[in-house]
């Protein structure tokens, strides 16, 4: 399956509640057929328009991770290691989790543990790729460890300090390697 699952259909107004019930069931218990993989969405959009007595339903679901096993070429990282994601895919995933972390901490809230765990795990993996800022990796891992400790202590102030250090390091590295 591609990166998105799209649904576009016309239905009678009386069929709309069943569509929403089926969607709710798929979100709670896992989907099949037109709702395959919707339960693991990263983002979804839904629109319904009444056009000449018919409901036009459009839905787009973007999964958080691939719905089907990735192809062999996608499984291989920059070094060709099986199971290691491509560097670009890893960085895209990190961008998403880090964006949430920064936003929530700047808003005075602790981010979800899943976002923090994902970011820190991806950071540990990122520094195994040679040639993408090796000279920054040591300081970066130290900053990640400081962020982990601040998060575990549930200290917004320490998290903010650590995130600001990570942002600064990211800027320095990306200025040289992007």
Protein backbone atom coordinates (compact mmCIF):
# COMPACT_ATOMS: atom_id res chain seq x y z
CA UNK A 1 0.00 0.00 0.00
CA UNK A 2 1.13 3.53 -0.65
CA UNK A 3 1.53 6.19 1.95
CA UNK A 4 -2.17 7.07 1.99
CA UNK A 5 -5.52 5.35 1.91
CA UNK A 6 -8.11 7.40 0.05
CA UNK A 7 -11.85 6.91 -0.03
CA UNK A 8 -14.13 8.82 -2.34
CA UNK A 9 -17.72 7.70 -2.71
CA UNK A 10 -21.28 8.84 -3.16
CA UNK A 11 -24.03 7.59 -0.90
CA UNK A 12 -27.54 8.35 0.17
CA UNK A 13 -27.90 10.46 3.30
CA UNK A 14 -29.45 7.48 5.12
CA UNK A 15 -26.20 5.48 4.58
CA UNK A 16 -23.96 8.13 6.16
CA UNK A 17 -24.44 6.98 9.81
CA UNK A 18 -23.43 3.41 8.84
CA UNK A 19 -20.30 4.76 7.15
CA UNK A 20 -19.35 6.60 10.36
CA UNK A 21 -20.08 3.53 12.51
CA UNK A 22 -17.90 1.39 10.24
CA UNK A 23 -15.15 4.00 10.43
CA UNK A 24 -15.41 4.12 14.24
CA UNK A 25 -15.23 0.32 14.43
CA UNK A 26 -12.14 0.32 12.18
CA UNK A 27 -10.45 2.95 14.37
CA UNK A 28 -11.17 0.93 17.52
CA UNK A 29 -10.66 -2.63 16.30
CA UNK A 30 -8.64 -2.46 13.11
CA UNK A 31 -9.89 -1.95 9.61
CA UNK A 32 -10.29 -4.04 6.51
CA UNK A 33 -11.35 -3.46 2.93
CA UNK A 34 -11.73 0.30 2.41
CA UNK A 35 -10.73 1.01 6.03
CA UNK A 36 -7.52 -1.06 6.01
CA UNK A 37 -4.84 0.41 8.33
CA UNK A 38 -6.91 3.43 9.41
CA UNK A 39 -6.48 2.48 13.08
CA UNK A 40 -2.80 3.47 12.93
CA UNK A 41 -3.24 6.91 11.42
CA UNK A 42 -0.81 9.77 11.81
CA UNK A 43 -3.28 12.11 10.16
CA UNK A 44 -6.65 11.87 8.53
CA UNK A 45 -9.00 14.22 6.73
CA UNK A 46 -12.68 13.68 6.20
CA UNK A 47 -15.17 15.76 4.29
CA UNK A 48 -18.83 15.22 3.49
CA UNK A 49 -20.79 17.38 1.09
CA UNK A 50 -24.48 17.25 0.24
CA UNK A 51 -24.59 17.54 -3.52
CA UNK A 52 -27.97 17.27 -5.17
CA UNK A 53 -29.32 14.91 -2.52
CA UNK A 54 -26.28 12.63 -2.58
CA UNK A 55 -23.52 12.67 0.02
CA UNK A 56 -20.03 12.99 -1.38
CA UNK A 57 -17.68 11.43 1.16
CA UNK A 58 -13.95 11.97 0.84
CA UNK A 59 -11.51 10.58 3.36
CA UNK A 60 -7.73 10.45 3.35
CA UNK A 61 -5.78 8.46 5.92
CA UNK A 62 -2.03 8.70 6.29
CA UNK A 63 -0.65 5.80 8.36
CA UNK A 64 1.91 6.38 11.10
CA UNK A 65 3.96 3.52 9.66
CA UNK A 66 3.71 1.50 6.46
CA UNK A 67 0.67 -0.72 6.36
CA UNK A 68 2.35 -3.54 4.47
CA UNK A 69 5.90 -4.80 4.92
CA UNK A 70 8.32 -2.42 3.20
CA UNK A 71 10.09 -3.58 0.08
CA UNK A 72 13.67 -4.77 0.34
CA UNK A 73 15.00 -1.47 -1.01
CA UNK A 74 13.08 0.50 1.63
CA UNK A 75 14.35 -1.78 4.41
CA UNK A 76 17.96 -1.08 3.56
CA UNK A 77 19.56 1.96 5.11
CA UNK A 78 22.30 4.16 3.74
CA UNK A 79 24.83 1.39 4.36
CA UNK A 80 22.58 -1.29 2.85
CA UNK A 81 21.92 -2.91 6.23
CA UNK A 82 18.66 -4.84 6.34
CA UNK A 83 16.21 -3.40 8.86
CA UNK A 84 17.91 -0.03 9.00
CA UNK A 85 15.72 2.74 7.53
CA UNK A 86 16.99 5.10 4.90
CA UNK A 87 18.53 8.18 6.47
CA UNK A 88 15.98 10.46 4.84
CA UNK A 89 13.07 8.42 6.23
CA UNK A 90 14.62 8.45 9.69
CA UNK A 91 15.13 12.23 9.60
CA UNK A 92 11.53 12.79 8.47
CA UNK A 93 10.25 10.72 11.39
CA UNK A 94 12.52 12.61 13.80
CA UNK A 95 11.31 15.94 12.46
CA UNK A 96 7.74 15.00 13.28
CA UNK A 97 8.42 13.85 16.86
CA UNK A 98 10.80 16.72 17.62
CA UNK A 99 8.31 19.29 16.34
CA UNK A 100 5.69 17.96 18.76
CA UNK A 101 8.17 17.86 21.64
CA UNK A 102 9.33 21.44 21.09
CA UNK A 103 5.80 22.79 20.69
CA UNK A 104 4.43 21.08 23.78
CA UNK A 105 7.39 22.02 25.99
CA UNK A 106 7.23 25.63 24.82
CA UNK A 107 3.51 25.54 25.69
CA UNK A 108 4.44 24.35 29.20
CA UNK A 109 3.34 20.72 28.79
CA UNK A 110 5.23 17.45 28.83
CA UNK A 111 4.95 15.66 25.49
CA UNK A 112 3.63 12.09 25.26
CA UNK A 113 6.07 9.39 26.27
CA UNK A 114 5.65 7.73 22.86
CA UNK A 115 6.90 10.88 21.07
CA UNK A 116 9.88 11.22 23.41
CA UNK A 117 10.76 7.52 23.16
CA UNK A 118 10.49 7.64 19.37
CA UNK A 119 12.69 10.72 19.13
CA UNK A 120 15.36 9.40 21.49
CA UNK A 121 15.40 5.97 19.86
CA UNK A 122 15.67 7.54 16.41
CA UNK A 123 18.44 9.84 17.67
CA UNK A 124 20.43 6.85 18.86
CA UNK A 125 19.99 5.23 15.45
CA UNK A 126 20.79 8.44 13.56
CA UNK A 127 24.28 8.69 15.02
CA UNK A 128 25.15 5.29 13.54
CA UNK A 129 25.03 6.74 10.00
CA UNK A 130 28.52 7.90 8.99
CA UNK A 131 29.03 11.05 6.96
CA UNK A 132 26.05 13.05 8.18
CA UNK A 133 27.66 15.13 10.91
CA UNK A 134 29.84 12.67 12.77
CA UNK A 135 31.69 15.44 14.58
CA UNK A 136 28.40 16.59 16.19
CA UNK A 137 27.23 13.13 17.29
CA UNK A 138 28.96 13.05 20.70
CA UNK A 139 27.54 16.37 21.88
CA UNK A 140 24.17 15.49 20.40
CA UNK A 141 23.90 12.24 22.37
CA UNK A 142 24.90 14.10 25.55
CA UNK A 143 22.11 16.61 24.89
CA UNK A 144 19.66 13.74 24.25
CA UNK A 145 20.66 12.17 27.57
CA UNK A 146 20.12 15.50 29.34
CA UNK A 147 16.69 15.76 27.73
CA UNK A 148 15.83 12.18 28.77
CA UNK A 149 16.78 12.95 32.40
CA UNK A 150 14.79 16.19 32.37
CA UNK A 151 11.77 14.40 30.92
CA UNK A 152 11.99 11.57 33.46
CA UNK A 153 12.17 14.20 36.22
CA UNK A 154 9.05 15.79 34.70
CA UNK A 155 10.73 19.20 34.81
CA UNK A 156 9.39 21.56 32.15
CA UNK A 157 12.19 24.05 32.88
CA UNK A 158 14.94 21.44 32.40
CA UNK A 159 13.17 20.01 29.34
CA UNK A 160 12.99 23.50 27.84
CA UNK A 161 16.71 24.02 28.45
CA UNK A 162 17.58 20.63 26.92
CA UNK A 163 15.29 21.16 23.90
CA UNK A 164 16.86 24.55 23.26
CA UNK A 165 20.32 22.93 23.28
CA UNK A 166 19.11 20.21 20.89
CA UNK A 167 17.58 22.84 18.59
CA UNK A 168 20.83 24.80 18.57
CA UNK A 169 22.87 21.68 17.78
CA UNK A 170 20.43 20.71 15.05
CA UNK A 171 20.83 24.15 13.49
CA UNK A 172 24.62 23.96 13.55
CA UNK A 173 24.73 20.50 12.03
CA UNK A 174 22.09 21.19 9.40
CA UNK A 175 23.80 24.43 8.40
CA UNK A 176 26.84 22.39 7.48
CA UNK A 177 25.26 19.21 6.10
CA UNK A 178 21.91 20.16 4.56
